[in-house]
Each structure stands twice: as C-alpha cells, then as structure tokens.
Amino acid sequence: MKITKFLTALLLVSAALLSSCNKDESIKLYDLTIRLSYPSEGTLSPYSGATVELRETNGTGVYESQTTADGTAFFQVPAGVYEATTSDTHVEGDYYYICNGVIGGIIVDGKEIRTYSIEVKTAKITNRNPIIIKEIYNGGVMLDDNSKNFQFDKCVILYNNSSKDYTAQNLAISMAPGYNAEAASNSKLFVNGVLEYDNSDYLPGYNGIWYFQNDLVIPAFSQIVVNICGAIDNTQTVTNSVNYANADYYCMYDPEYEGGGTQASNKFYNNTSYYPAPADVIPTSHYLKTVKLGQGNAWPFSVTSPAVFIYQTEGTTPKAAAENADNDWYHTGYATTAIYKGTKVLRSWIVDGVEVWNSAKLDGSYKRLPADIDAGHVNLTNQLGHALYRNVDKAATEALPENNGLLVYNYSLGVDASTDPSGIDAEASIKNGAHIIFVDTNNSTNDFHERQKCSLRGE
C-alpha cells in the first residue's frame, strides 16, 4: 500500500510538471461570451450543443465551443480581433432547421468581459427539397498556347441528394446582385452594415433568370448538368475545356427572348461567343428559357465570384413572376433603369445558393447571399480550369449499406487546389456504383472545396 501511494504521488507530481512545462505563461487568455439569438417569432428556441467557431481576423487562431441550453458559448482566447460563426442543423419536433449566423469585429483586449450576440438565420423545413448545387465551373481555363483565358464554357451541376427520385416543377436559376464579389458597387447593397434585402422576404435575381421548360425529373443520387454558355464540344479548340455535346445535358440558350435593354444590341442574350448553337445531340426541350431583365448581350455570370441560387416558384411560373412589374428590383443606390434591374424572388422559393469569392481579392469582397441561404463563401482561383465541388458527408455516405466495398478514398487533387475533408473521392466512387450523400449545411465554407478540374473532364 505504501509503494502504491508513493507511485500515485509521483505520477501526480510528474503530470503537474509536464503541464507546467507545456503551458506558455506569456500568453494571457481573456473571457469571451457569444450568445445565439434566434428569430423573435419563436420558431426555434436556444438549445445546447450548437457549435460556435471563433477565428482570429489577423492571425491563425481558431477556437470552437458548444452552446449551453440557453444558447451561450464561452471562450478563453488571447487578445485580438475575431469573427464568430455558427452553422448547425437541428431537429425539433416535426421540423428540421438549418441555422447559420456570423458576426465580425469582435474585440478581445482584456479591458472588460466581452459579450457579443449572433443573430441566427434559420430555415424551417418539413419536407426538405433534396436538390442541391453539387458543382460550379465558371473560372475558365487557359488556351492551349497559354496566351489567354478561355471562359466560354461555364456550367453548374445540380444533384438529388436523396434516396428517392424527385420531380422539380418550375425550377429556375439566377444570381444575386453584384456580378463579382469584389466589385466596389456592392458597398451600396449595405445599409448600416446590413444587406439591404437581408431581412426581406425576397432575394433579388439580377440581370435575368433561366428556367426549365418542363418538369425536371432527377433520379435518386443523380445529377443534372446545366451548361451556362458554350454548349458544344469545347475540347475541339481548347484541350482542357469541357465537352458538352451530350444528349443528357441541359443548356441556357434563348437568343430570341427580347428583354428590357434600350439598345438593339442589349435586347437579347445572343452573343455568339457565349451562345453558339448548341451541339445537335442536345434536345431543344433541354434548352433553358430566359427572362432577360438587365442590359448586355450575355448573362454576366462572373468568372471570378458569382453568387448563384436555384429556386422553385409556387402558384406561378418563373417566367410570369420575373415578368411581373410588381416584382421589379433595382440595384440599391443606382437609377431605376435596365442597367441595374433584377426581380424579387421569394425567399420561401429558394432551394439552394452558393456564394463564391475571388481568392486573389478576399479583402475587398462583399457578402451577397443572406446567412440563411449561405452563411459562408467558397474561394476560387480562376483561369486554371478549377471547379467548386461539394464535400462528401462521410458518415452518411459510409452508412449506406449498398456502398460496402465501393467507396474510393485517398482523394487528392494536387497542390494548387484544396481537398474534400472526408477523404472520399466522390467521382471515382460514383463510377464504382456508390451512392454519395453530400454535406448540406447552407454554409459553403464548410460545404465546398476548390477542385483542380471540372468533374466533367473525366480524366
């Protein structure tokens, strides 16, 4: 017994010495409290276990804490300026909630105990729409002689993220105002630091919208390719581009729709560089139609940083809603002319949205999608053929019994692109016959990574 007591004491002393050696006494830590505030209508009350992440604005510090039952998260961190985000999914009763919020400019200086509040945007869902944006390819690729960038081959890929076939009626695609995230004009979208439409029941669809002619049937765990421009085999002229000559693909092509431009050259989306006649194998029923609202002879989908969203109208068609003058919207701070025109899309119609920022201009970028649609952003290095690809939900995908032995791991795409934190190679696994469930938290910072090449290249 005496030997046992001696050894126990010795171990305790050793542990204390190790703890003392590992602790950097020169770094002082200060208390910080973050409270999550939910909508006043009471659709969701504070709950325990919501994750709050704290990032140092001008440093590398990252801290994480979970809320207590009253929605409060506690931190002890060094002095500095921080940004706090929360991104969580929560089931309560018969409803499923997606919860997102962000607050910047958090100052920790030791002068007082700091308390900040994050206003959490919540999406309350009963029968959740399973259609998500799986991939965005918009940055273009260099010509074979490396002389300049080729950017007439954009696409977005939609995916049925469920085990049941889904029929989408009145499905449409548009983008939030501010063609590029880094555009200085975006500052006019903010009033007292808040997006002008952040608390509205709508999201502006800018310059124009595109919609499917017919109901769109997407089988379980399957995708739909939507070409934005250049619906041809682009590899005939640019080797590392994409071949869209596929009968299963859809494309944005409606050069005869007359929009609101004041000049003849602005009345139609008919720029043949963007809209060559689609490949013969693509059925005309797969052409997306447009309602052209702004000026220009091509839909100005950014090659650096678009904010794209998909939606389904209810009680009306996308065309009728966009042509309804009561829904007209004009860029905040500018004249009510076609140059700055968009249409109000009800927030309740929004199915999914992704905010993209230019990797080279992060400091000057502005958030254009509200937190309940996308609480974060994903970065793109354009002109290199890169795509933005959704991360795999590792636990959910591995839990599918039919995936036994079919999943491919060790996903790696080179030093000039990021990677999927799950480690699962989604495209290789799909080719193996696996079913993939992708992450969908309405926060593209967590949901996406920058892929080295568009998955349609198939190499």
Protein backbone atom coordinates (compact mmCIF):
# COMPACT_ATOMS: atom_id res chain seq x y z
CA MET A 1 0.00 0.00 0.00
CA LYS A 2 2.84 2.42 0.85
CA ILE A 3 4.51 1.72 -2.52
CA THR A 4 1.21 2.26 -4.31
CA LYS A 5 0.66 5.61 -2.57
CA PHE A 6 4.21 6.67 -3.37
CA LEU A 7 3.84 5.84 -7.07
CA THR A 8 0.50 7.64 -7.23
CA ALA A 9 2.00 10.76 -5.70
CA LEU A 10 4.98 10.56 -8.07
CA LEU A 11 2.68 10.35 -11.09
CA LEU A 12 0.68 13.36 -9.91
CA VAL A 13 3.82 15.43 -9.45
CA SER A 14 5.12 14.38 -12.88
CA ALA A 15 1.81 15.32 -14.52
CA ALA A 16 1.89 18.71 -12.82
CA LEU A 17 5.46 19.33 -14.01
CA LEU A 18 4.58 18.36 -17.59
CA SER A 19 1.54 20.62 -17.53
CA SER A 20 3.69 23.48 -16.24
CA CYS A 21 6.28 22.89 -18.96
CA ASN A 22 3.68 22.80 -21.75
CA LYS A 23 1.85 25.93 -20.70
CA ASP A 24 3.07 29.19 -22.18
CA GLU A 25 2.68 31.60 -19.27
CA SER A 26 3.43 34.58 -21.57
CA ILE A 27 0.08 34.27 -23.38
CA LYS A 28 -2.79 35.77 -21.39
CA LEU A 29 -6.28 34.48 -22.04
CA TYR A 30 -9.45 36.52 -21.66
CA ASP A 31 -13.08 35.55 -21.27
CA LEU A 32 -15.43 35.98 -24.22
CA THR A 33 -19.12 35.12 -24.37
CA ILE A 34 -21.07 34.56 -27.59
CA ARG A 35 -24.85 34.34 -27.40
CA LEU A 36 -27.01 32.97 -30.21
CA SER A 37 -30.17 34.97 -30.83
CA TYR A 38 -33.00 33.29 -32.74
CA PRO A 39 -35.91 34.87 -34.68
CA SER A 40 -38.42 36.64 -32.43
CA GLU A 41 -41.40 34.75 -33.86
CA GLY A 42 -40.27 31.81 -31.75
CA THR A 43 -39.89 29.16 -34.45
CA LEU A 44 -36.76 27.89 -32.69
CA SER A 45 -35.57 28.40 -29.12
CA PRO A 46 -31.95 28.33 -27.94
CA TYR A 47 -30.61 24.83 -27.40
CA SER A 48 -27.44 23.14 -26.17
CA GLY A 49 -24.80 21.72 -28.46
CA ALA A 50 -24.79 24.29 -31.28
CA THR A 51 -21.22 24.80 -32.49
CA VAL A 52 -19.73 28.30 -32.47
CA GLU A 53 -16.40 28.81 -34.25
CA LEU A 54 -14.15 31.77 -33.47
CA ARG A 55 -11.48 32.81 -35.98
CA GLU A 56 -8.78 35.40 -35.45
CA THR A 57 -9.18 38.05 -38.15
CA ASN A 58 -5.49 38.93 -38.46
CA GLY A 59 -3.99 35.67 -37.32
CA THR A 60 -4.29 31.92 -37.41
CA GLY A 61 -6.13 31.27 -34.16
CA VAL A 62 -9.25 29.09 -34.46
CA TYR A 63 -11.37 28.16 -31.44
CA GLU A 64 -14.56 26.17 -31.06
CA SER A 65 -17.19 25.91 -28.36
CA GLN A 66 -20.67 24.42 -27.96
CA THR A 67 -23.60 26.33 -26.56
CA THR A 68 -25.28 25.66 -23.25
CA ALA A 69 -29.06 25.22 -23.05
CA ASP A 70 -29.63 28.98 -23.17
CA GLY A 71 -27.66 29.33 -26.42
CA THR A 72 -24.46 30.70 -24.88
CA ALA A 73 -20.92 29.68 -25.86
CA PHE A 74 -17.91 30.53 -23.68
CA PHE A 75 -14.34 31.10 -24.82
CA GLN A 76 -10.95 31.94 -23.31
CA VAL A 77 -8.74 33.44 -26.00
CA PRO A 78 -5.76 35.78 -26.46
CA ALA A 79 -6.30 39.46 -27.17
CA GLY A 80 -7.20 40.18 -30.78
CA VAL A 81 -9.97 40.81 -33.29
CA TYR A 82 -12.19 37.86 -34.17
CA GLU A 83 -15.08 36.67 -36.32
CA ALA A 84 -17.61 34.22 -34.90
CA THR A 85 -19.78 31.90 -36.98
CA THR A 86 -22.36 29.27 -36.23
CA SER A 87 -23.53 26.67 -38.72
CA ASP A 88 -25.71 23.86 -37.47
CA THR A 89 -28.61 21.60 -38.29
CA HIS A 90 -31.16 20.86 -35.59
CA VAL A 91 -34.20 18.62 -35.35
CA GLU A 92 -37.01 19.74 -33.06
CA GLY A 93 -40.37 18.03 -33.16
CA ASP A 94 -41.62 17.55 -36.70
CA TYR A 95 -39.29 20.19 -38.13
CA TYR A 96 -35.74 20.31 -39.42
CA TYR A 97 -33.81 23.56 -39.02
CA ILE A 98 -30.72 24.88 -40.80
CA CYS A 99 -29.16 27.53 -38.57
CA ASN A 100 -26.48 29.97 -39.71
CA GLY A 101 -25.10 33.23 -38.41
CA VAL A 102 -21.97 35.34 -38.41
CA ILE A 103 -20.61 38.39 -36.64
CA GLY A 104 -17.29 40.17 -37.18
CA GLY A 105 -15.36 42.88 -35.40
CA ILE A 106 -15.22 41.04 -32.08
CA ILE A 107 -12.65 42.78 -29.90
CA VAL A 108 -10.88 41.00 -27.06
CA ASP A 109 -8.49 43.30 -25.19
CA GLY A 110 -8.74 42.34 -21.52
CA LYS A 111 -10.32 45.64 -20.50
CA GLU A 112 -13.67 44.04 -19.76
CA ILE A 113 -15.51 40.74 -20.16
CA ARG A 114 -16.86 40.88 -23.69
CA THR A 115 -20.27 39.58 -24.71
CA TYR A 116 -21.46 39.51 -28.32
CA SER A 117 -24.66 38.25 -29.90
CA ILE A 118 -25.06 36.44 -33.23
CA GLU A 119 -28.43 36.84 -34.94
CA VAL A 120 -29.06 33.35 -36.26
CA LYS A 121 -30.89 32.93 -39.55
CA THR A 122 -32.99 29.79 -39.55
CA ALA A 123 -34.59 27.81 -42.36
CA LYS A 124 -37.53 25.76 -41.07
CA ILE A 125 -38.14 22.71 -43.21
CA THR A 126 -40.73 19.95 -43.14
CA ASN A 127 -40.33 18.03 -46.39
CA ARG A 128 -36.87 19.18 -47.36
CA ASN A 129 -36.12 19.70 -51.05
CA PRO A 130 -33.24 17.32 -51.85
CA ILE A 131 -31.90 19.24 -54.87
CA ILE A 132 -28.53 20.90 -54.24
CA ILE A 133 -25.85 22.66 -56.25
CA LYS A 134 -23.16 19.99 -56.46
CA GLU A 135 -20.56 21.77 -58.59
CA ILE A 136 -19.84 25.15 -60.20
CA TYR A 137 -17.40 25.58 -63.06
CA ASN A 138 -17.11 29.23 -64.04
CA GLY A 139 -13.47 30.38 -63.97
CA GLY A 140 -12.40 29.18 -67.39
CA VAL A 141 -9.13 27.60 -68.46
CA MET A 142 -6.06 28.73 -70.38
CA LEU A 143 -5.83 28.27 -74.13
CA ASP A 144 -3.52 25.52 -75.37
CA ASP A 145 -0.77 28.05 -76.12
CA ASN A 146 -1.25 29.60 -72.64
CA SER A 147 -1.72 33.03 -74.22
CA LYS A 148 -5.02 33.93 -72.52
CA ASN A 149 -8.01 32.60 -70.65
CA PHE A 150 -10.91 30.78 -72.34
CA GLN A 151 -14.12 31.46 -70.40
CA PHE A 152 -16.97 30.43 -72.70
CA ASP A 153 -17.60 27.00 -71.17
CA LYS A 154 -19.31 27.55 -67.80
CA CYS A 155 -21.71 25.16 -66.10
CA VAL A 156 -23.49 24.35 -62.85
CA ILE A 157 -24.33 20.79 -61.81
CA LEU A 158 -27.45 20.01 -59.76
CA TYR A 159 -27.80 16.84 -57.70
CA ASN A 160 -30.54 14.84 -56.00
CA ASN A 161 -29.02 14.36 -52.56
CA SER A 162 -31.52 11.70 -51.50
CA SER A 163 -32.51 8.06 -51.99
CA LYS A 164 -35.79 8.94 -53.73
CA ASP A 165 -36.46 10.24 -57.23
CA TYR A 166 -37.51 13.89 -57.24
CA THR A 167 -39.59 15.88 -59.72
CA ALA A 168 -38.84 19.60 -59.70
CA GLN A 169 -41.58 21.85 -61.05
CA ASN A 170 -40.96 25.48 -62.03
CA LEU A 171 -37.24 25.21 -61.34
CA ALA A 172 -35.14 28.27 -62.18
CA ILE A 173 -31.62 29.64 -61.77
CA SER A 174 -30.46 33.19 -61.10
CA MET A 175 -27.76 35.11 -59.25
CA ALA A 176 -27.63 37.75 -56.54
CA PRO A 177 -26.65 41.34 -57.42
CA GLY A 178 -23.02 42.27 -57.65
CA TYR A 179 -21.61 40.32 -60.56
CA ASN A 180 -18.23 39.96 -58.81
CA ALA A 181 -17.91 39.72 -55.02
CA GLU A 182 -15.04 42.23 -55.14
CA ALA A 183 -16.99 44.90 -57.09
CA ALA A 184 -16.91 48.27 -55.30
CA SER A 185 -20.54 48.86 -56.26
CA ASN A 186 -21.52 46.11 -53.82
CA SER A 187 -20.96 48.54 -50.95
CA LYS A 188 -24.23 50.22 -51.97
CA LEU A 189 -26.09 46.99 -51.16
CA PHE A 190 -25.42 47.55 -47.47
CA VAL A 191 -27.29 49.89 -45.13
CA ASN A 192 -25.61 50.35 -41.75
CA GLY A 193 -23.54 47.26 -42.43
CA VAL A 194 -26.53 45.05 -43.28
CA LEU A 195 -27.58 43.79 -46.71
CA GLU A 196 -30.48 45.92 -47.94
CA TYR A 197 -32.59 42.79 -48.52
CA ASP A 198 -31.24 40.73 -45.61
CA ASN A 199 -34.47 40.91 -43.61
CA SER A 200 -36.82 40.97 -46.59
CA ASP A 201 -39.00 38.12 -47.81
CA TYR A 202 -37.20 38.12 -51.17
CA LEU A 203 -33.77 37.76 -52.76
CA PRO A 204 -33.00 39.74 -55.94
CA GLY A 205 -32.40 37.72 -59.09
CA TYR A 206 -30.09 40.01 -61.04
CA ASN A 207 -29.97 40.80 -64.77
CA GLY A 208 -32.03 37.76 -65.72
CA ILE A 209 -33.34 34.35 -64.78
CA TRP A 210 -33.23 30.96 -66.53
CA TYR A 211 -35.88 28.28 -66.15
CA PHE A 212 -36.51 24.71 -67.30
CA GLN A 213 -39.23 24.34 -69.92
CA ASN A 214 -40.72 21.23 -68.32
CA ASP A 215 -40.80 19.38 -65.03
CA LEU A 216 -37.32 18.13 -64.24
CA VAL A 217 -37.08 14.54 -63.03
CA ILE A 218 -33.84 13.81 -61.18
CA PRO A 219 -33.40 10.17 -60.08
CA ALA A 220 -32.05 9.39 -56.61
CA PHE A 221 -28.33 10.14 -56.19
CA SER A 222 -28.12 11.51 -59.76
CA GLN A 223 -27.08 14.80 -61.31
CA ILE A 224 -28.22 17.23 -63.99
CA VAL A 225 -25.60 19.19 -65.93
CA VAL A 226 -26.67 22.73 -66.85
CA ASN A 227 -24.39 24.46 -69.34
CA ILE A 228 -24.33 28.23 -68.85
CA CYS A 229 -22.55 29.07 -72.08
CA GLY A 230 -20.75 27.20 -74.83
CA ALA A 231 -22.98 24.12 -75.12
CA ILE A 232 -20.67 22.43 -77.61
CA ASP A 233 -17.57 20.24 -77.57
CA ASN A 234 -15.14 22.93 -76.45
CA THR A 235 -12.26 20.44 -76.35
CA GLN A 236 -12.06 20.70 -80.14
CA THR A 237 -10.46 24.13 -79.72
CA VAL A 238 -9.26 24.12 -76.08
CA THR A 239 -7.90 20.78 -74.91
CA ASN A 240 -8.51 21.27 -71.18
CA SER A 241 -12.01 22.64 -71.61
CA VAL A 242 -15.28 20.66 -71.34
CA ASN A 243 -17.24 18.66 -73.88
CA TYR A 244 -20.93 19.49 -73.51
CA ALA A 245 -22.07 17.57 -76.60
CA ASN A 246 -24.18 15.18 -74.57
CA ALA A 247 -27.87 14.36 -75.04
CA ASP A 248 -28.40 14.22 -71.27
CA TYR A 249 -27.14 17.76 -70.68
CA TYR A 250 -29.19 20.96 -70.43
CA CYS A 251 -28.10 24.41 -71.58
CA MET A 252 -29.03 28.08 -71.24
CA TYR A 253 -29.97 29.09 -74.75
CA ASP A 254 -32.76 31.51 -75.66
CA PRO A 255 -31.36 34.13 -78.09
CA GLU A 256 -34.82 35.24 -79.27
CA TYR A 257 -36.21 36.48 -75.95
CA GLU A 258 -36.39 40.29 -76.10
CA GLY A 259 -35.51 41.93 -72.82
CA GLY A 260 -35.55 45.46 -71.48
CA GLY A 261 -32.34 46.87 -72.94
CA THR A 262 -32.63 50.28 -74.55
CA GLN A 263 -30.29 49.49 -77.43
CA ALA A 264 -30.81 46.79 -80.02
CA SER A 265 -27.52 45.15 -79.06
CA ASN A 266 -28.73 44.82 -75.46
CA LYS A 267 -32.19 43.41 -76.08
CA PHE A 268 -31.19 39.77 -76.45
CA TYR A 269 -28.79 37.23 -74.97
CA ASN A 270 -27.42 36.50 -78.43
CA ASN A 271 -23.65 36.96 -78.19
CA THR A 272 -22.43 34.00 -80.27
CA SER A 273 -19.16 33.76 -78.35
CA TYR A 274 -21.22 32.83 -75.29
CA TYR A 275 -24.11 31.21 -77.14
CA PRO A 276 -23.01 29.27 -80.20
CA ALA A 277 -25.76 26.99 -81.49
CA PRO A 278 -25.84 24.08 -79.02
CA ALA A 279 -24.50 20.69 -80.07
CA ASP A 280 -27.01 18.83 -82.25
CA VAL A 281 -27.30 15.98 -79.74
CA ILE A 282 -28.80 18.27 -77.07
CA PRO A 283 -32.61 18.18 -77.45
CA THR A 284 -34.33 21.55 -77.83
CA SER A 285 -36.51 20.54 -74.86
CA HIS A 286 -33.31 20.74 -72.79
CA TYR A 287 -32.81 24.42 -73.62
CA LEU A 288 -33.42 26.62 -70.57
CA LYS A 289 -35.51 29.69 -71.38
CA THR A 290 -34.80 33.14 -70.02
CA VAL A 291 -36.42 36.33 -68.84
CA LYS A 292 -33.86 38.99 -69.68
CA LEU A 293 -34.10 41.90 -67.22
CA GLY A 294 -30.86 43.87 -67.46
CA GLN A 295 -28.59 45.02 -70.25
CA GLY A 296 -25.85 43.20 -72.11
CA ASN A 297 -25.97 40.53 -74.80
CA ALA A 298 -24.97 37.68 -72.46
CA TRP A 299 -25.97 36.74 -68.94
CA PRO A 300 -23.00 38.13 -66.96
CA PHE A 301 -22.23 35.11 -64.78
CA SER A 302 -18.96 36.02 -63.08
CA VAL A 303 -15.72 34.23 -63.99
CA THR A 304 -14.29 35.08 -60.55
CA SER A 305 -17.03 35.17 -57.93
CA PRO A 306 -20.74 34.62 -58.67
CA ALA A 307 -23.47 34.24 -56.06
CA VAL A 308 -25.75 31.71 -57.72
CA PHE A 309 -29.03 30.27 -56.45
CA ILE A 310 -31.77 27.92 -57.62
CA TYR A 311 -35.46 28.23 -56.78
CA GLN A 312 -38.91 26.81 -57.47
CA THR A 313 -41.87 29.14 -57.81
CA GLU A 314 -45.21 28.27 -56.23
CA GLY A 315 -48.58 29.40 -57.58
CA THR A 316 -46.94 30.95 -60.63
CA THR A 317 -44.23 30.20 -63.16
CA PRO A 318 -40.68 31.60 -63.09
CA LYS A 319 -41.43 33.45 -66.34
CA ALA A 320 -44.63 35.06 -65.05
CA ALA A 321 -43.03 36.04 -61.75
CA ALA A 322 -39.99 37.63 -63.42
CA GLU A 323 -42.12 39.50 -65.97
CA ASN A 324 -44.44 40.87 -63.28
CA ALA A 325 -43.59 44.55 -62.84
CA ASP A 326 -44.60 44.37 -59.17
CA ASN A 327 -41.51 42.21 -58.62
CA ASP A 328 -39.06 44.62 -60.27
CA TRP A 329 -35.92 45.33 -58.24
CA TYR A 330 -33.11 47.80 -58.95
CA HIS A 331 -29.59 47.81 -57.54
CA THR A 332 -29.50 49.89 -54.37
CA GLY A 333 -28.01 53.33 -54.91
CA TYR A 334 -28.47 53.39 -58.69
CA ALA A 335 -31.08 54.59 -61.16
CA THR A 336 -34.18 52.54 -61.93
CA THR A 337 -33.04 51.63 -65.42
CA ALA A 338 -32.50 48.31 -67.18
CA ILE A 339 -28.75 48.52 -66.45
CA TYR A 340 -29.42 47.76 -62.77
CA LYS A 341 -32.58 45.68 -62.98
CA GLY A 342 -33.47 42.41 -61.31
CA THR A 343 -36.53 40.63 -59.98
CA LYS A 344 -37.68 39.78 -56.47
CA VAL A 345 -37.57 36.04 -55.81
CA LEU A 346 -39.41 34.97 -52.67
CA ARG A 347 -37.06 33.55 -50.03
CA SER A 348 -39.52 30.70 -49.46
CA TRP A 349 -38.87 29.61 -53.06
CA ILE A 350 -35.10 29.33 -52.66
CA VAL A 351 -33.82 25.75 -52.89
CA ASP A 352 -30.06 26.30 -52.64
CA GLY A 353 -27.44 29.01 -53.05
CA VAL A 354 -23.65 29.28 -53.16
CA GLU A 355 -21.52 32.38 -52.63
CA VAL A 356 -18.14 32.44 -54.41
CA TRP A 357 -15.26 34.81 -53.69
CA ASN A 358 -12.16 35.55 -55.73
CA SER A 359 -9.12 34.03 -53.98
CA ALA A 360 -6.99 36.95 -55.16
CA LYS A 361 -9.31 39.64 -53.74
CA LEU A 362 -10.74 38.30 -50.49
CA ASP A 363 -10.11 41.51 -48.54
CA GLY A 364 -12.28 43.56 -50.89
CA SER A 365 -15.18 41.11 -51.23
CA TYR A 366 -18.77 41.60 -50.11
CA LYS A 367 -21.30 39.03 -48.94
CA ARG A 368 -24.37 38.97 -51.20
CA LEU A 369 -26.34 35.93 -50.06
CA PRO A 370 -28.02 36.17 -46.63
CA ALA A 371 -26.89 33.75 -43.93
CA ASP A 372 -29.99 31.55 -44.11
CA ILE A 373 -29.16 30.80 -47.77
CA ASP A 374 -25.36 30.67 -47.44
CA ALA A 375 -23.66 31.65 -44.19
CA GLY A 376 -20.17 31.47 -45.72
CA HIS A 377 -18.35 31.57 -49.03
CA VAL A 378 -16.05 29.32 -51.05
CA ASN A 379 -12.90 30.69 -52.69
CA LEU A 380 -11.98 30.22 -56.35
CA THR A 381 -8.69 30.61 -58.20
CA ASN A 382 -9.95 31.21 -61.72
CA GLN A 383 -8.42 30.70 -65.20
CA LEU A 384 -6.91 27.33 -64.21
CA GLY A 385 -9.85 25.06 -65.01
CA HIS A 386 -10.72 24.70 -61.34
CA ALA A 387 -14.26 23.93 -60.16
CA LEU A 388 -16.04 24.31 -56.84
CA TYR A 389 -17.17 20.90 -55.63
CA ARG A 390 -19.38 19.92 -52.70
CA ASN A 391 -17.87 17.91 -49.86
CA VAL A 392 -18.98 14.37 -49.11
CA ASP A 393 -20.94 13.66 -45.93
CA LYS A 394 -18.61 10.88 -44.80
CA ALA A 395 -20.74 9.39 -42.03
CA ALA A 396 -23.97 9.41 -44.03
CA THR A 397 -22.32 8.01 -47.16
CA GLU A 398 -20.49 5.25 -45.31
CA ALA A 399 -23.73 4.34 -43.53
CA LEU A 400 -25.42 3.35 -46.81
CA PRO A 401 -25.24 -0.46 -46.91
CA GLU A 402 -25.11 -0.54 -50.71
CA ASN A 403 -21.78 1.34 -50.60
CA ASN A 404 -19.92 -1.55 -48.98
CA GLY A 405 -16.66 -2.01 -50.90
CA LEU A 406 -17.48 0.69 -53.48
CA LEU A 407 -16.10 3.86 -51.89
CA VAL A 408 -12.72 5.20 -53.09
CA TYR A 409 -10.53 7.02 -50.57
CA ASN A 410 -7.26 9.00 -50.58
CA TYR A 411 -8.84 11.84 -52.51
CA SER A 412 -6.12 14.26 -53.65
CA LEU A 413 -6.16 16.87 -56.38
CA GLY A 414 -2.77 18.47 -56.39
CA VAL A 415 -1.07 21.35 -54.63
CA ASP A 416 -2.96 24.12 -56.41
CA ALA A 417 -6.40 23.14 -55.15
CA SER A 418 -8.00 22.24 -51.83
CA THR A 419 -9.47 18.88 -50.95
CA ASP A 420 -12.54 17.17 -49.54
CA PRO A 421 -12.03 16.74 -45.77
CA SER A 422 -13.89 13.42 -45.91
CA GLY A 423 -11.05 11.86 -47.91
CA ILE A 424 -13.60 10.19 -50.18
CA ASP A 425 -13.14 10.57 -53.94
CA ALA A 426 -16.77 11.20 -54.89
CA GLU A 427 -16.39 10.92 -58.66
CA ALA A 428 -14.33 7.72 -58.52
CA SER A 429 -16.80 6.25 -56.04
CA ILE A 430 -19.77 7.13 -58.27
CA LYS A 431 -18.07 5.41 -61.20
CA ASN A 432 -17.73 2.38 -58.92
CA GLY A 433 -21.50 2.40 -58.42
CA ALA A 434 -21.54 4.03 -54.99
CA HIS A 435 -24.24 6.44 -53.84
CA ILE A 436 -22.90 9.71 -52.47
CA ILE A 437 -24.56 11.92 -49.89
CA PHE A 438 -23.07 15.41 -49.89
CA VAL A 439 -22.78 17.85 -46.98
CA ASP A 440 -25.53 20.48 -47.00
CA THR A 441 -25.43 22.95 -44.10
CA ASN A 442 -26.14 26.14 -46.09
CA ASN A 443 -22.59 27.27 -45.37
CA SER A 444 -20.36 26.95 -48.43
CA THR A 445 -17.21 27.49 -46.36
CA ASN A 446 -17.88 24.08 -44.83
CA ASP A 447 -19.78 22.51 -47.73
CA PHE A 448 -17.39 23.08 -50.69
CA HIS A 449 -13.78 22.77 -51.74
CA GLU A 450 -11.87 24.01 -54.79
CA ARG A 451 -11.34 21.09 -57.14
CA GLN A 452 -8.40 21.06 -59.52
CA LYS A 453 -10.59 20.42 -62.56
CA CYS A 454 -14.23 20.16 -63.51
CA SER A 455 -15.54 16.64 -62.95
CA LEU A 456 -16.98 16.59 -66.49
CA ARG A 457 -13.47 16.36 -67.93
CA GLY A 458 -13.50 12.75 -66.78
CA GLU A 459 -9.75 12.31 -66.60
